[in-house]
Amino acid sequence: DFFFVDSFPHSILEIKHDILMINGKNSPDSTQVNTNLTIRGITHKQIINYELLQTDDIFTASGSINIDRTDYNIRYGSGKFFNDLSDKMIYDDFSIHFKIYTLSK
């Protein structure tokens, strides 16, 4: 219901490019990637932190992204937009955690 999947069946995460720096320092184990996230036809830039590890021929990227649903016009039960919700309020933020495996050849 929140995402109106009948009208918006897909969300899109477009990876733009790696930043390759954390707090102004080169870091071989931890990096960031610039992305555009589209939910319900609304696109916002997101920076995703992830860790890249290599074991033999397997690369693993893992990380998470925190998203404020109200940025994508999902306002139902939001304390930002509705007063007096008390225990009916729904948190605005949600997280997506990921782990991606690839093989090098």
PDB file of N, CA and C in Angstrom:
ATOM      1  N   ASP A   1       0.813  -1.204   0.000  1.00  0.00           N
ATOM      2  CA  ASP A   1       0.000   0.000   0.000  1.00  0.00           C
ATOM      3  C   ASP A   1       0.856   1.267   0.000  1.00  0.00           C
ATOM      4  N   PHE A   2       1.926   1.260   0.803  1.00  0.00           N
ATOM      5  CA  PHE A   2       2.784   2.448   0.889  1.00  0.00           C
ATOM      6  C   PHE A   2       3.393   2.807  -0.455  1.00  0.00           C
ATOM      7  N   PHE A   3       3.785   1.790  -1.202  1.00  0.00           N
ATOM      8  CA  PHE A   3       4.554   2.030  -2.419  1.00  0.00           C
ATOM      9  C   PHE A   3       3.695   2.106  -3.683  1.00  0.00           C
ATOM     10  N   PHE A   4       2.381   1.927  -3.570  1.00  0.00           N
ATOM     11  CA  PHE A   4       1.465   1.972  -4.720  1.00  0.00           C
ATOM     12  C   PHE A   4       2.008   1.123  -5.868  1.00  0.00           C
ATOM     13  N   VAL A   5       2.244  -0.162  -5.580  1.00  0.00           N
ATOM     14  CA  VAL A   5       2.884  -1.028  -6.562  1.00  0.00           C
ATOM     15  C   VAL A   5       2.042  -1.233  -7.822  1.00  0.00           C
ATOM     16  N   ASP A   6       0.745  -1.004  -7.757  1.00  0.00           N
ATOM     17  CA  ASP A   6      -0.062  -1.082  -8.980  1.00  0.00           C
ATOM     18  C   ASP A   6       0.342   0.002  -9.967  1.00  0.00           C
ATOM     19  N   SER A   7       0.642   1.193  -9.472  1.00  0.00           N
ATOM     20  CA  SER A   7       1.054   2.315 -10.316  1.00  0.00           C
ATOM     21  C   SER A   7       2.559   2.384 -10.518  1.00  0.00           C
ATOM     22  N   PHE A   8       3.319   1.920  -9.523  1.00  0.00           N
ATOM     23  CA  PHE A   8       4.784   1.982  -9.568  1.00  0.00           C
ATOM     24  C   PHE A   8       5.348   0.598  -9.235  1.00  0.00           C
ATOM     25  N   PRO A   9       5.330  -0.328 -10.190  1.00  0.00           N
ATOM     26  CA  PRO A   9       5.738  -1.709  -9.882  1.00  0.00           C
ATOM     27  C   PRO A   9       7.230  -1.888  -9.638  1.00  0.00           C
ATOM     28  N   HIS A  10       8.050  -0.893  -9.978  1.00  0.00           N
ATOM     29  CA  HIS A  10       9.494  -1.030  -9.825  1.00  0.00           C
ATOM     30  C   HIS A  10      10.082   0.164  -9.083  1.00  0.00           C
ATOM     31  N   SER A  11      11.050  -0.131  -8.235  1.00  0.00           N
ATOM     32  CA  SER A  11      11.942   0.886  -7.695  1.00  0.00           C
ATOM     33  C   SER A  11      13.279   0.654  -8.361  1.00  0.00           C
ATOM     34  N   ILE A  12      14.047   1.710  -8.588  1.00  0.00           N
ATOM     35  CA  ILE A  12      15.295   1.599  -9.330  1.00  0.00           C
ATOM     36  C   ILE A  12      16.429   2.199  -8.519  1.00  0.00           C
ATOM     37  N   LEU A  13      17.521   1.452  -8.405  1.00  0.00           N
ATOM     38  CA  LEU A  13      18.745   1.949  -7.798  1.00  0.00           C
ATOM     39  C   LEU A  13      19.786   2.002  -8.907  1.00  0.00           C
ATOM     40  N   GLU A  14      20.145   3.207  -9.312  1.00  0.00           N
ATOM     41  CA  GLU A  14      21.114   3.415 -10.391  1.00  0.00           C
ATOM     42  C   GLU A  14      22.452   3.785  -9.766  1.00  0.00           C
ATOM     43  N   ILE A  15      23.462   2.957  -9.992  1.00  0.00           N
ATOM     44  CA  ILE A  15      24.797   3.212  -9.455  1.00  0.00           C
ATOM     45  C   ILE A  15      25.514   4.171 -10.390  1.00  0.00           C
ATOM     46  N   LYS A  16      25.955   5.295  -9.844  1.00  0.00           N
ATOM     47  CA  LYS A  16      26.609   6.337 -10.647  1.00  0.00           C
ATOM     48  C   LYS A  16      28.116   6.128 -10.695  1.00  0.00           C
ATOM     49  N   HIS A  17      28.800   6.120  -9.549  1.00  0.00           N
ATOM     50  CA  HIS A  17      30.240   5.876  -9.507  1.00  0.00           C
ATOM     51  C   HIS A  17      30.708   5.762  -8.069  1.00  0.00           C
ATOM     52  N   ASP A  18      31.852   5.108  -7.888  1.00  0.00           N
ATOM     53  CA  ASP A  18      32.465   5.010  -6.568  1.00  0.00           C
ATOM     54  C   ASP A  18      33.087   6.339  -6.180  1.00  0.00           C
ATOM     55  N   ILE A  19      33.067   6.642  -4.907  1.00  0.00           N
ATOM     56  CA  ILE A  19      33.740   7.825  -4.372  1.00  0.00           C
ATOM     57  C   ILE A  19      35.178   7.478  -3.986  1.00  0.00           C
ATOM     58  N   LEU A  20      35.391   6.265  -3.472  1.00  0.00           N
ATOM     59  CA  LEU A  20      36.707   5.737  -3.122  1.00  0.00           C
ATOM     60  C   LEU A  20      37.416   6.455  -1.980  1.00  0.00           C
ATOM     61  N   MET A  21      36.733   7.300  -1.282  1.00  0.00           N
ATOM     62  CA  MET A  21      37.337   7.997  -0.150  1.00  0.00           C
ATOM     63  C   MET A  21      36.344   7.958   1.008  1.00  0.00           C
ATOM     64  N   ILE A  22      36.866   7.744   2.201  1.00  0.00           N
ATOM     65  CA  ILE A  22      36.063   7.826   3.415  1.00  0.00           C
ATOM     66  C   ILE A  22      36.710   8.881   4.304  1.00  0.00           C
ATOM     67  N   ASN A  23      35.958   9.893   4.644  1.00  0.00           N
ATOM     68  CA  ASN A  23      36.465  10.977   5.496  1.00  0.00           C
ATOM     69  C   ASN A  23      37.775  11.555   4.971  1.00  0.00           C
ATOM     70  N   GLY A  24      37.874  11.706   3.660  1.00  0.00           N
ATOM     71  CA  GLY A  24      39.037  12.325   3.055  1.00  0.00           C
ATOM     72  C   GLY A  24      40.253  11.429   2.953  1.00  0.00           C
ATOM     73  N   LYS A  25      40.101  10.129   3.282  1.00  0.00           N
ATOM     74  CA  LYS A  25      41.245   9.215   3.249  1.00  0.00           C
ATOM     75  C   LYS A  25      40.949   8.059   2.304  1.00  0.00           C
ATOM     76  N   ASN A  26      41.971   7.602   1.589  1.00  0.00           N
ATOM     77  CA  ASN A  26      41.822   6.400   0.781  1.00  0.00           C
ATOM     78  C   ASN A  26      41.628   5.215   1.712  1.00  0.00           C
ATOM     79  N   SER A  27      40.735   4.333   1.359  1.00  0.00           N
ATOM     80  CA  SER A  27      40.483   3.167   2.188  1.00  0.00           C
ATOM     81  C   SER A  27      40.280   1.960   1.294  1.00  0.00           C
ATOM     82  N   PRO A  28      41.141   0.959   1.362  1.00  0.00           N
ATOM     83  CA  PRO A  28      40.985  -0.201   0.498  1.00  0.00           C
ATOM     84  C   PRO A  28      39.821  -1.096   0.894  1.00  0.00           C
ATOM     85  N   ASP A  29      39.396  -1.055   2.159  1.00  0.00           N
ATOM     86  CA  ASP A  29      38.371  -1.967   2.639  1.00  0.00           C
ATOM     87  C   ASP A  29      36.967  -1.373   2.682  1.00  0.00           C
ATOM     88  N   SER A  30      36.860  -0.078   2.687  1.00  0.00           N
ATOM     89  CA  SER A  30      35.559   0.552   2.851  1.00  0.00           C
ATOM     90  C   SER A  30      35.446   1.718   1.890  1.00  0.00           C
ATOM     91  N   THR A  31      34.319   1.823   1.237  1.00  0.00           N
ATOM     92  CA  THR A  31      34.155   2.881   0.247  1.00  0.00           C
ATOM     93  C   THR A  31      32.694   3.302   0.171  1.00  0.00           C
ATOM     94  N   GLN A  32      32.411   4.233  -0.703  1.00  0.00           N
ATOM     95  CA  GLN A  32      31.054   4.731  -0.900  1.00  0.00           C
ATOM     96  C   GLN A  32      30.748   4.712  -2.387  1.00  0.00           C
ATOM     97  N   VAL A  33      29.479   4.670  -2.696  1.00  0.00           N
ATOM     98  CA  VAL A  33      29.056   4.729  -4.084  1.00  0.00           C
ATOM     99  C   VAL A  33      27.914   5.738  -4.182  1.00  0.00           C
ATOM    100  N   ASN A  34      27.973   6.587  -5.217  1.00  0.00           N
ATOM    101  CA  ASN A  34      26.887   7.527  -5.507  1.00  0.00           C
ATOM    102  C   ASN A  34      25.804   6.788  -6.285  1.00  0.00           C
ATOM    103  N   THR A  35      24.572   6.977  -5.889  1.00  0.00           N
ATOM    104  CA  THR A  35      23.459   6.329  -6.582  1.00  0.00           C
ATOM    105  C   THR A  35      22.304   7.310  -6.744  1.00  0.00           C
ATOM    106  N   ASN A  36      21.404   6.962  -7.621  1.00  0.00           N
ATOM    107  CA  ASN A  36      20.092   7.598  -7.714  1.00  0.00           C
ATOM    108  C   ASN A  36      19.071   6.532  -7.374  1.00  0.00           C
ATOM    109  N   LEU A  37      18.239   6.803  -6.375  1.00  0.00           N
ATOM    110  CA  LEU A  37      17.193   5.873  -5.966  1.00  0.00           C
ATOM    111  C   LEU A  37      15.844   6.449  -6.379  1.00  0.00           C
ATOM    112  N   THR A  38      15.095   5.662  -7.137  1.00  0.00           N
ATOM    113  CA  THR A  38      13.762   6.071  -7.582  1.00  0.00           C
ATOM    114  C   THR A  38      12.727   5.162  -6.943  1.00  0.00           C
ATOM    115  N   ILE A  39      11.819   5.766  -6.190  1.00  0.00           N
ATOM    116  CA  ILE A  39      10.687   5.073  -5.580  1.00  0.00           C
ATOM    117  C   ILE A  39       9.445   5.894  -5.893  1.00  0.00           C
ATOM    118  N   ARG A  40       8.395   5.237  -6.364  1.00  0.00           N
ATOM    119  CA  ARG A  40       7.144   5.909  -6.725  1.00  0.00           C
ATOM    120  C   ARG A  40       7.370   7.047  -7.718  1.00  0.00           C
ATOM    121  N   GLY A  41       8.333   6.870  -8.627  1.00  0.00           N
ATOM    122  CA  GLY A  41       8.600   7.871  -9.656  1.00  0.00           C
ATOM    123  C   GLY A  41       9.372   9.084  -9.174  1.00  0.00           C
ATOM    124  N   ILE A  42       9.824   9.082  -7.929  1.00  0.00           N
ATOM    125  CA  ILE A  42      10.572  10.198  -7.353  1.00  0.00           C
ATOM    126  C   ILE A  42      12.022   9.744  -7.171  1.00  0.00           C
ATOM    127  N   THR A  43      12.966  10.541  -7.672  1.00  0.00           N
ATOM    128  CA  THR A  43      14.380  10.178  -7.630  1.00  0.00           C
ATOM    129  C   THR A  43      15.147  11.117  -6.712  1.00  0.00           C
ATOM    130  N   HIS A  44      15.973  10.524  -5.857  1.00  0.00           N
ATOM    131  CA  HIS A  44      16.874  11.276  -4.979  1.00  0.00           C
ATOM    132  C   HIS A  44      18.244  10.627  -5.021  1.00  0.00           C
ATOM    133  N   LYS A  45      19.270  11.455  -4.883  1.00  0.00           N
ATOM    134  CA  LYS A  45      20.633  10.940  -4.771  1.00  0.00           C
ATOM    135  C   LYS A  45      20.794  10.295  -3.404  1.00  0.00           C
ATOM    136  N   GLN A  46      21.495   9.187  -3.375  1.00  0.00           N
ATOM    137  CA  GLN A  46      21.813   8.489  -2.132  1.00  0.00           C
ATOM    138  C   GLN A  46      23.285   8.103  -2.175  1.00  0.00           C
ATOM    139  N   ILE A  47      23.964   8.196  -1.074  1.00  0.00           N
ATOM    140  CA  ILE A  47      25.323   7.697  -0.960  1.00  0.00           C
ATOM    141  C   ILE A  47      25.265   6.437  -0.104  1.00  0.00           C
ATOM    142  N   ILE A  48      25.798   5.344  -0.646  1.00  0.00           N
ATOM    143  CA  ILE A  48      25.763   4.067   0.055  1.00  0.00           C
ATOM    144  C   ILE A  48      27.176   3.704   0.488  1.00  0.00           C
ATOM    145  N   ASN A  49      27.342   3.449   1.763  1.00  0.00           N
ATOM    146  CA  ASN A  49      28.610   2.946   2.294  1.00  0.00           C
ATOM    147  C   ASN A  49      28.616   1.432   2.155  1.00  0.00           C
ATOM    148  N   TYR A  50      29.757   0.891   1.730  1.00  0.00           N
ATOM    149  CA  TYR A  50      29.872  -0.560   1.671  1.00  0.00           C
ATOM    150  C   TYR A  50      31.306  -0.981   1.925  1.00  0.00           C
ATOM    151  N   GLU A  51      31.454  -2.235   2.285  1.00  0.00           N
ATOM    152  CA  GLU A  51      32.761  -2.822   2.529  1.00  0.00           C
ATOM    153  C   GLU A  51      33.029  -3.844   1.437  1.00  0.00           C
ATOM    154  N   LEU A  52      34.216  -3.812   0.869  1.00  0.00           N
ATOM    155  CA  LEU A  52      34.596  -4.732  -0.195  1.00  0.00           C
ATOM    156  C   LEU A  52      35.703  -5.638   0.311  1.00  0.00           C
ATOM    157  N   LEU A  53      35.452  -6.945   0.240  1.00  0.00           N
ATOM    158  CA  LEU A  53      36.431  -7.933   0.685  1.00  0.00           C
ATOM    159  C   LEU A  53      36.721  -8.911  -0.443  1.00  0.00           C
ATOM    160  N   GLN A  54      37.949  -9.427  -0.474  1.00  0.00           N
ATOM    161  CA  GLN A  54      38.317 -10.439  -1.459  1.00  0.00           C
ATOM    162  C   GLN A  54      38.874 -11.656  -0.740  1.00  0.00           C
ATOM    163  N   THR A  55      38.344 -12.824  -1.077  1.00  0.00           N
ATOM    164  CA  THR A  55      38.864 -14.094  -0.599  1.00  0.00           C
ATOM    165  C   THR A  55      39.066 -14.975  -1.823  1.00  0.00           C
ATOM    166  N   ASP A  56      40.313 -15.243  -2.137  1.00  0.00           N
ATOM    167  CA  ASP A  56      40.661 -15.981  -3.354  1.00  0.00           C
ATOM    168  C   ASP A  56      40.054 -15.263  -4.555  1.00  0.00           C
ATOM    169  N   ASP A  57      39.168 -15.926  -5.301  1.00  0.00           N
ATOM    170  CA  ASP A  57      38.570 -15.333  -6.493  1.00  0.00           C
ATOM    171  C   ASP A  57      37.182 -14.739  -6.234  1.00  0.00           C
ATOM    172  N   ILE A  58      36.781 -14.676  -4.984  1.00  0.00           N
ATOM    173  CA  ILE A  58      35.441 -14.189  -4.650  1.00  0.00           C
ATOM    174  C   ILE A  58      35.536 -12.803  -4.026  1.00  0.00           C
ATOM    175  N   PHE A  59      34.797 -11.854  -4.598  1.00  0.00           N
ATOM    176  CA  PHE A  59      34.672 -10.509  -4.037  1.00  0.00           C
ATOM    177  C   PHE A  59      33.306 -10.414  -3.367  1.00  0.00           C
ATOM    178  N   THR A  60      33.281  -9.801  -2.195  1.00  0.00           N
ATOM    179  CA  THR A  60      32.037  -9.609  -1.467  1.00  0.00           C
ATOM    180  C   THR A  60      31.888  -8.133  -1.130  1.00  0.00           C
ATOM    181  N   ALA A  61      30.780  -7.549  -1.534  1.00  0.00           N
ATOM    182  CA  ALA A  61      30.444  -6.171  -1.162  1.00  0.00           C
ATOM    183  C   ALA A  61      29.242  -6.249  -0.230  1.00  0.00           C
ATOM    184  N   SER A  62      29.359  -5.639   0.942  1.00  0.00           N
ATOM    185  CA  SER A  62      28.238  -5.641   1.874  1.00  0.00           C
ATOM    186  C   SER A  62      28.078  -4.249   2.467  1.00  0.00           C
ATOM    187  N   GLY A  63      26.857  -3.919   2.750  1.00  0.00           N
ATOM    188  CA  GLY A  63      26.586  -2.607   3.320  1.00  0.00           C
ATOM    189  C   GLY A  63      25.105  -2.413   3.569  1.00  0.00           C
ATOM    190  N   SER A  64      24.727  -1.173   3.742  1.00  0.00           N
ATOM    191  CA  SER A  64      23.322  -0.856   3.983  1.00  0.00           C
ATOM    192  C   SER A  64      23.033   0.573   3.533  1.00  0.00           C
ATOM    193  N   ILE A  65      21.759   0.825   3.348  1.00  0.00           N
ATOM    194  CA  ILE A  65      21.303   2.169   3.002  1.00  0.00           C
ATOM    195  C   ILE A  65      20.099   2.480   3.887  1.00  0.00           C
ATOM    196  N   ASN A  66      20.085   3.671   4.461  1.00  0.00           N
ATOM    197  CA  ASN A  66      18.958   4.146   5.256  1.00  0.00           C
ATOM    198  C   ASN A  66      18.158   5.119   4.403  1.00  0.00           C
ATOM    199  N   ILE A  67      16.855   4.905   4.358  1.00  0.00           N
ATOM    200  CA  ILE A  67      15.977   5.678   3.478  1.00  0.00           C
ATOM    201  C   ILE A  67      14.860   6.306   4.307  1.00  0.00           C
ATOM    202  N   ASP A  68      14.610   7.581   4.076  1.00  0.00           N
ATOM    203  CA  ASP A  68      13.478   8.274   4.684  1.00  0.00           C
ATOM    204  C   ASP A  68      12.313   8.185   3.695  1.00  0.00           C
ATOM    205  N   ARG A  69      11.301   7.410   4.043  1.00  0.00           N
ATOM    206  CA  ARG A  69      10.182   7.162   3.122  1.00  0.00           C
ATOM    207  C   ARG A  69       9.427   8.438   2.749  1.00  0.00           C
ATOM    208  N   THR A  70       9.482   9.465   3.620  1.00  0.00           N
ATOM    209  CA  THR A  70       8.748  10.689   3.318  1.00  0.00           C
ATOM    210  C   THR A  70       9.386  11.462   2.163  1.00  0.00           C
ATOM    211  N   ASP A  71      10.679  11.197   1.889  1.00  0.00           N
ATOM    212  CA  ASP A  71      11.323  11.817   0.730  1.00  0.00           C
ATOM    213  C   ASP A  71      10.690  11.354  -0.576  1.00  0.00           C
ATOM    214  N   TYR A  72       9.986  10.219  -0.513  1.00  0.00           N
ATOM    215  CA  TYR A  72       9.366   9.633  -1.705  1.00  0.00           C
ATOM    216  C   TYR A  72       7.840   9.710  -1.621  1.00  0.00           C
ATOM    217  N   ASN A  73       7.359  10.705  -0.876  1.00  0.00           N
ATOM    218  CA  ASN A  73       5.930  11.001  -0.734  1.00  0.00           C
ATOM    219  C   ASN A  73       5.143   9.843  -0.124  1.00  0.00           C
ATOM    220  N   ILE A  74       5.778   9.101   0.781  1.00  0.00           N
ATOM    221  CA  ILE A  74       5.088   8.051   1.533  1.00  0.00           C
ATOM    222  C   ILE A  74       4.866   8.622   2.924  1.00  0.00           C
ATOM    223  N   ARG A  75       3.680   9.173   3.150  1.00  0.00           N
ATOM    224  CA  ARG A  75       3.422   9.949   4.360  1.00  0.00           C
ATOM    225  C   ARG A  75       2.514   9.260   5.371  1.00  0.00           C
ATOM    226  N   TYR A  76       1.921   8.159   5.007  1.00  0.00           N
ATOM    227  CA  TYR A  76       0.958   7.483   5.879  1.00  0.00           C
ATOM    228  C   TYR A  76       1.555   7.244   7.265  1.00  0.00           C
ATOM    229  N   GLY A  77       0.891   7.714   8.291  1.00  0.00           N
ATOM    230  CA  GLY A  77       1.307   7.483   9.668  1.00  0.00           C
ATOM    231  C   GLY A  77       2.582   8.198  10.084  1.00  0.00           C
ATOM    232  N   SER A  78       3.024   9.193   9.318  1.00  0.00           N
ATOM    233  CA  SER A  78       4.269   9.901   9.617  1.00  0.00           C
ATOM    234  C   SER A  78       4.024  11.019  10.625  1.00  0.00           C
ATOM    235  N   GLY A  79       4.843  11.043  11.665  1.00  0.00           N
ATOM    236  CA  GLY A  79       4.764  12.108  12.653  1.00  0.00           C
ATOM    237  C   GLY A  79       5.193  13.457  12.101  1.00  0.00           C
ATOM    238  N   LYS A  80       5.886  13.470  10.969  1.00  0.00           N
ATOM    239  CA  LYS A  80       6.274  14.738  10.325  1.00  0.00           C
ATOM    240  C   LYS A  80       5.073  15.455   9.732  1.00  0.00           C
ATOM    241  N   PHE A  81       4.039  14.700   9.375  1.00  0.00           N
ATOM    242  CA  PHE A  81       2.915  15.282   8.645  1.00  0.00           C
ATOM    243  C   PHE A  81       1.587  15.212   9.394  1.00  0.00           C
ATOM    244  N   PHE A  82       1.509  14.339  10.414  1.00  0.00           N
ATOM    245  CA  PHE A  82       0.248  14.172  11.131  1.00  0.00           C
ATOM    246  C   PHE A  82       0.497  14.276  12.632  1.00  0.00           C
ATOM    247  N   ASN A  83      -0.292  15.118  13.295  1.00  0.00           N
ATOM    248  CA  ASN A  83      -0.186  15.296  14.742  1.00  0.00           C
ATOM    249  C   ASN A  83      -1.071  14.279  15.453  1.00  0.00           C
ATOM    250  N   ASP A  84      -0.800  14.070  16.720  1.00  0.00           N
ATOM    251  CA  ASP A  84      -1.637  13.244  17.588  1.00  0.00           C
ATOM    252  C   ASP A  84      -1.784  11.792  17.112  1.00  0.00           C
ATOM    253  N   LEU A  85      -0.725  11.218  16.552  1.00  0.00           N
ATOM    254  CA  LEU A  85      -0.782   9.812  16.140  1.00  0.00           C
ATOM    255  C   LEU A  85      -0.501   8.869  17.302  1.00  0.00           C
ATOM    256  N   SER A  86       0.126   9.378  18.334  1.00  0.00           N
ATOM    257  CA  SER A  86       0.560   8.607  19.517  1.00  0.00           C
ATOM    258  C   SER A  86       1.145   7.263  19.099  1.00  0.00           C
ATOM    259  N   ASP A  87       0.569   6.144  19.546  1.00  0.00           N
ATOM    260  CA  ASP A  87       1.142   4.827  19.240  1.00  0.00           C
ATOM    261  C   ASP A  87       0.802   4.327  17.836  1.00  0.00           C
ATOM    262  N   LYS A  88       0.115   5.133  17.043  1.00  0.00           N
ATOM    263  CA  LYS A  88      -0.213   4.772  15.647  1.00  0.00           C
ATOM    264  C   LYS A  88       0.843   5.287  14.661  1.00  0.00           C
ATOM    265  N   MET A  89       1.811   6.077  15.186  1.00  0.00           N
ATOM    266  CA  MET A  89       2.841   6.627  14.321  1.00  0.00           C
ATOM    267  C   MET A  89       3.726   5.508  13.766  1.00  0.00           C
ATOM    268  N   ILE A  90       4.120   5.632  12.499  1.00  0.00           N
ATOM    269  CA  ILE A  90       5.017   4.676  11.839  1.00  0.00           C
ATOM    270  C   ILE A  90       6.329   5.393  11.571  1.00  0.00           C
ATOM    271  N   TYR A  91       7.437   4.722  11.866  1.00  0.00           N
ATOM    272  CA  TYR A  91       8.756   5.318  11.629  1.00  0.00           C
ATOM    273  C   TYR A  91       8.927   5.708  10.168  1.00  0.00           C
ATOM    274  N   ASP A  92       9.584   6.836   9.932  1.00  0.00           N
ATOM    275  CA  ASP A  92       9.816   7.321   8.570  1.00  0.00           C
ATOM    276  C   ASP A  92      11.012   6.632   7.908  1.00  0.00           C
ATOM    277  N   ASP A  93      11.986   6.224   8.696  1.00  0.00           N
ATOM    278  CA  ASP A  93      13.206   5.638   8.143  1.00  0.00           C
ATOM    279  C   ASP A  93      13.090   4.121   8.064  1.00  0.00           C
ATOM    280  N   PHE A  94      13.659   3.564   7.000  1.00  0.00           N
ATOM    281  CA  PHE A  94      13.828   2.121   6.916  1.00  0.00           C
ATOM    282  C   PHE A  94      15.189   1.842   6.290  1.00  0.00           C
ATOM    283  N   SER A  95      15.706   0.647   6.547  1.00  0.00           N
ATOM    284  CA  SER A  95      17.044   0.277   6.083  1.00  0.00           C
ATOM    285  C   SER A  95      16.968  -0.925   5.164  1.00  0.00           C
ATOM    286  N   ILE A  96      17.861  -0.929   4.193  1.00  0.00           N
ATOM    287  CA  ILE A  96      18.048  -2.089   3.326  1.00  0.00           C
ATOM    288  C   ILE A  96      19.498  -2.534   3.502  1.00  0.00           C
ATOM    289  N   HIS A  97      19.684  -3.788   3.852  1.00  0.00           N
ATOM    290  CA  HIS A  97      21.015  -4.361   4.015  1.00  0.00           C
ATOM    291  C   HIS A  97      21.272  -5.294   2.839  1.00  0.00           C
ATOM    292  N   PHE A  98      22.504  -5.302   2.339  1.00  0.00           N
ATOM    293  CA  PHE A  98      22.796  -6.126   1.169  1.00  0.00           C
ATOM    294  C   PHE A  98      24.162  -6.780   1.279  1.00  0.00           C
ATOM    295  N   LYS A  99      24.296  -7.869   0.537  1.00  0.00           N
ATOM    296  CA  LYS A  99      25.578  -8.549   0.379  1.00  0.00           C
ATOM    297  C   LYS A  99      25.587  -9.091  -1.053  1.00  0.00           C
ATOM    298  N   ILE A 100      26.613  -8.715  -1.811  1.00  0.00           N
ATOM    299  CA  ILE A 100      26.732  -9.102  -3.209  1.00  0.00           C
ATOM    300  C   ILE A 100      28.036  -9.885  -3.377  1.00  0.00           C
ATOM    301  N   TYR A 101      27.942 -11.018  -4.045  1.00  0.00           N
ATOM    302  CA  TYR A 101      29.122 -11.845  -4.325  1.00  0.00           C
ATOM    303  C   TYR A 101      29.413 -11.846  -5.806  1.00  0.00           C
ATOM    304  N   THR A 102      30.687 -11.743  -6.171  1.00  0.00           N
ATOM    305  CA  THR A 102      31.099 -11.857  -7.561  1.00  0.00           C
ATOM    306  C   THR A 102      32.351 -12.720  -7.623  1.00  0.00           C
ATOM    307  N   LEU A 103      32.595 -13.295  -8.777  1.00  0.00           N
ATOM    308  CA  LEU A 103      33.807 -14.076  -9.017  1.00  0.00           C
ATOM    309  C   LEU A 103      34.701 -13.315  -9.964  1.00  0.00           C
ATOM    310  N   SER A 104      35.981 -13.316  -9.704  1.00  0.00           N
ATOM    311  CA  SER A 104      36.932 -12.692 -10.648  1.00  0.00           C
ATOM    312  C   SER A 104      37.443 -13.788 -11.576  1.00  0.00           C
ATOM    313  N   LYS A 105      37.713 -13.420 -12.794  1.00  0.00           N
ATOM    314  CA  LYS A 105      38.225 -14.401 -13.760  1.00  0.00           C
ATOM    315  C   LYS A 105      39.499 -13.905 -14.367  1.00  0.00           C
TER     316      LYS A 105
END
